[in-house]
């Protein structure tokens, strides 16, 4: 979760700047792509729960890892896209939102179910505390890479790595559902 929230907040913090500075997209149009990502996130939150329940039979970690994998692909695409294909940039923005913004509810459900009824609130709070460290560290780290290396591509590739780390880490979780 710590790595994935670093992806979420770095992407939402720098998407407009990147699109404007590197792809020469107007600030208004870049804001539209950010709005599209946020809409994807709003759709992704309930959709990820529905998918994990109905498609994956309540196996949260499979849906979670899939979301992290798709986020990695979207971030990798951002690192190489040019401004010449707005429909593709829109698709990538929505996909990034669907996954890198839409994952939070699935995360909290998974940690609460693993903890069980007695510890659900405690574990959810502790998980949120540790996850937020990624929120604090991720965007400044992204910005530092852009400023020191002059490269958004390298910063986006860091987010690819963090997405992959999220997918791998969640697959290592032993997911035994307890009643909440």
Protein backbone atom coordinates (compact mmCIF):
# COMPACT_ATOMS: atom_id res chain seq x y z
CA UNK A 1 0.00 0.00 0.00
CA UNK A 2 2.84 2.37 0.81
CA UNK A 3 4.33 1.95 -2.67
CA UNK A 4 0.95 2.16 -4.41
CA UNK A 5 -0.09 5.37 -2.70
CA UNK A 6 3.25 6.88 -3.74
CA UNK A 7 2.21 6.07 -7.32
CA UNK A 8 -1.25 7.57 -6.80
CA UNK A 9 -0.15 10.86 -5.30
CA UNK A 10 2.93 11.31 -7.49
CA UNK A 11 0.87 10.77 -10.62
CA UNK A 12 -1.92 13.11 -9.56
CA UNK A 13 0.56 15.74 -8.37
CA UNK A 14 2.67 15.81 -11.53
CA UNK A 15 0.35 14.77 -14.37
CA UNK A 16 -0.70 18.30 -15.33
CA UNK A 17 2.85 19.67 -15.05
CA UNK A 18 4.21 16.82 -17.17
CA UNK A 19 1.58 17.16 -19.86
CA UNK A 20 2.08 20.92 -20.02
CA UNK A 21 5.88 21.09 -19.74
CA UNK A 22 6.92 18.04 -21.76
CA UNK A 23 4.03 17.35 -24.13
CA UNK A 24 3.06 21.02 -24.71
CA UNK A 25 -0.57 20.37 -23.81
CA UNK A 26 -2.40 23.43 -22.52
CA UNK A 27 -2.98 23.63 -18.79
CA UNK A 28 -6.74 23.47 -19.35
CA UNK A 29 -6.50 20.33 -21.51
CA UNK A 30 -4.00 18.77 -19.07
CA UNK A 31 -6.46 19.51 -16.27
CA UNK A 32 -9.06 17.66 -18.32
CA UNK A 33 -6.81 14.59 -18.40
CA UNK A 34 -6.38 14.85 -14.62
CA UNK A 35 -10.18 15.09 -14.26
CA UNK A 36 -10.45 11.98 -16.42
CA UNK A 37 -8.00 10.18 -14.13
CA UNK A 38 -10.03 11.25 -11.08
CA UNK A 39 -13.23 10.03 -12.76
CA UNK A 40 -11.49 6.71 -13.37
CA UNK A 41 -10.63 6.58 -9.66
CA UNK A 42 -14.23 7.29 -8.67
CA UNK A 43 -15.36 4.45 -10.91
CA UNK A 44 -12.46 2.19 -9.85
CA UNK A 45 -13.28 2.19 -6.14
CA UNK A 46 -16.64 0.39 -6.38
CA UNK A 47 -15.65 -1.50 -9.55
CA UNK A 48 -12.61 -3.07 -7.85
CA UNK A 49 -14.79 -4.34 -5.01
CA UNK A 50 -17.35 -5.71 -7.44
CA UNK A 51 -14.62 -7.45 -9.45
CA UNK A 52 -12.96 -8.95 -6.39
CA UNK A 53 -16.33 -10.24 -5.13
CA UNK A 54 -17.93 -11.44 -8.35
CA UNK A 55 -15.04 -12.33 -10.66
CA UNK A 56 -12.36 -13.41 -8.19
CA UNK A 57 -14.66 -14.97 -5.59
CA UNK A 58 -13.65 -12.63 -2.76
CA UNK A 59 -9.92 -12.98 -3.39
CA UNK A 60 -8.88 -9.39 -2.85
CA UNK A 61 -5.19 -9.82 -3.53
CA UNK A 62 -5.74 -11.00 -7.11
CA UNK A 63 -7.79 -7.90 -7.93
CA UNK A 64 -5.29 -5.70 -6.06
CA UNK A 65 -2.28 -7.16 -7.91
CA UNK A 66 -4.10 -6.81 -11.22
CA UNK A 67 -4.79 -3.14 -10.48
CA UNK A 68 -1.13 -2.56 -9.61
CA UNK A 69 -0.06 -4.30 -12.83
CA UNK A 70 -2.41 -2.22 -14.97
CA UNK A 71 -1.19 0.92 -13.18
CA UNK A 72 2.39 -0.07 -14.07
CA UNK A 73 1.42 -0.34 -17.74
CA UNK A 74 -0.36 3.04 -17.65
CA UNK A 75 2.59 4.77 -15.98
CA UNK A 76 5.01 3.14 -18.43
CA UNK A 77 2.86 4.44 -21.27
CA UNK A 78 2.97 7.95 -19.80
CA UNK A 79 6.75 7.80 -19.81
CA UNK A 80 6.86 7.28 -23.58
CA UNK A 81 3.70 8.92 -24.97
CA UNK A 82 3.84 12.03 -27.05
CA UNK A 83 1.11 14.63 -27.26
CA UNK A 84 0.05 13.43 -30.70
CA UNK A 85 -2.60 10.92 -29.62
CA UNK A 86 -5.09 12.58 -27.24
CA UNK A 87 -7.46 9.59 -27.32
CA UNK A 88 -4.62 7.34 -26.14
CA UNK A 89 -3.61 9.82 -23.46
CA UNK A 90 -7.24 9.90 -22.34
CA UNK A 91 -7.38 6.11 -22.16
CA UNK A 92 -4.12 5.97 -20.19
CA UNK A 93 -5.33 8.72 -17.83
CA UNK A 94 -8.60 6.92 -17.18
CA UNK A 95 -6.80 3.58 -16.72
CA UNK A 96 -4.34 5.18 -14.32
CA UNK A 97 -7.22 6.60 -12.30
CA UNK A 98 -9.17 3.35 -12.39
CA UNK A 99 -6.23 1.52 -10.84
CA UNK A 100 -3.79 3.87 -9.08
CA UNK A 101 -6.57 6.01 -7.61
CA UNK A 102 -9.27 3.34 -7.32
CA UNK A 103 -7.31 0.83 -5.21
CA UNK A 104 -7.86 2.28 -1.70
CA UNK A 105 -11.19 0.70 -0.84
CA UNK A 106 -9.97 -2.70 -1.92
CA UNK A 107 -6.87 -2.28 0.26
CA UNK A 108 -8.86 -1.40 3.38
CA UNK A 109 -11.31 -4.23 2.77
CA UNK A 110 -8.49 -6.73 2.39
CA UNK A 111 -6.59 -5.71 5.53
CA UNK A 112 -9.81 -5.60 7.55
CA UNK A 113 -10.87 -9.05 6.38
CA UNK A 114 -7.46 -10.50 7.13
CA UNK A 115 -7.50 -8.97 10.62
CA UNK A 116 -11.02 -10.18 11.44
CA UNK A 117 -13.80 -8.57 13.42
CA UNK A 118 -11.83 -8.13 16.65
CA UNK A 119 -8.90 -6.27 15.09
CA UNK A 120 -10.38 -4.76 11.92
CA UNK A 121 -10.44 -1.16 13.16
CA UNK A 122 -6.97 -1.34 14.71
CA UNK A 123 -5.40 -2.94 11.65
CA UNK A 124 -7.16 -0.55 9.26
CA UNK A 125 -5.85 2.42 11.27
CA UNK A 126 -2.31 1.04 11.45
CA UNK A 127 -2.36 0.19 7.77
CA UNK A 128 -3.53 3.70 6.91
CA UNK A 129 -0.76 5.18 9.04
CA UNK A 130 1.96 3.20 7.25
CA UNK A 131 0.42 3.63 3.82
CA UNK A 132 0.43 7.42 4.23
CA UNK A 133 4.21 7.37 4.54
CA UNK A 134 4.20 6.66 0.80
CA UNK A 135 1.98 9.68 0.31
CA UNK A 136 4.51 11.86 2.14
CA UNK A 137 7.62 10.43 0.44
CA UNK A 138 6.41 9.66 -3.10
CA UNK A 139 5.65 13.06 -4.64
CA UNK A 140 8.78 14.80 -3.30
CA UNK A 141 10.89 11.88 -4.54
CA UNK A 142 9.26 12.14 -7.98
CA UNK A 143 9.88 15.89 -8.03
CA UNK A 144 13.47 15.46 -6.90
CA UNK A 145 14.14 13.09 -9.81
CA UNK A 146 12.57 15.53 -12.28
CA UNK A 147 14.54 18.48 -10.87
CA UNK A 148 17.90 16.76 -10.41
CA UNK A 149 17.90 14.64 -13.58
CA UNK A 150 15.74 16.85 -15.75
CA UNK A 151 13.76 13.75 -16.67
CA UNK A 152 10.11 12.99 -16.20
CA UNK A 153 10.71 9.66 -17.94
CA UNK A 154 12.97 8.45 -15.13
CA UNK A 155 10.45 9.61 -12.52
CA UNK A 156 7.59 7.80 -14.31
CA UNK A 157 9.77 4.68 -14.48
CA UNK A 158 10.19 4.87 -10.70
CA UNK A 159 6.39 4.73 -10.48
CA UNK A 160 6.40 1.66 -12.73
CA UNK A 161 8.81 0.02 -10.28
CA UNK A 162 6.65 0.99 -7.29
CA UNK A 163 3.56 -0.42 -9.02
CA UNK A 164 5.35 -3.71 -9.66
CA UNK A 165 6.55 -3.80 -6.05
CA UNK A 166 2.92 -3.34 -4.97
CA UNK A 167 1.74 -6.20 -7.16
CA UNK A 168 4.46 -8.56 -5.97
CA UNK A 169 4.10 -7.60 -2.30
CA UNK A 170 0.34 -8.14 -2.26
CA UNK A 171 0.73 -11.56 -3.87
CA UNK A 172 2.88 -12.57 -0.89
CA UNK A 173 0.00 -11.89 1.52
CA UNK A 174 -1.77 -14.93 2.99
CA UNK A 175 -5.36 -14.08 2.40
CA UNK A 176 -7.58 -15.92 4.84
CA UNK A 177 -10.95 -14.19 5.07
CA UNK A 178 -12.47 -13.78 8.49
CA UNK A 179 -15.94 -12.47 9.16
CA UNK A 180 -16.09 -8.79 9.91
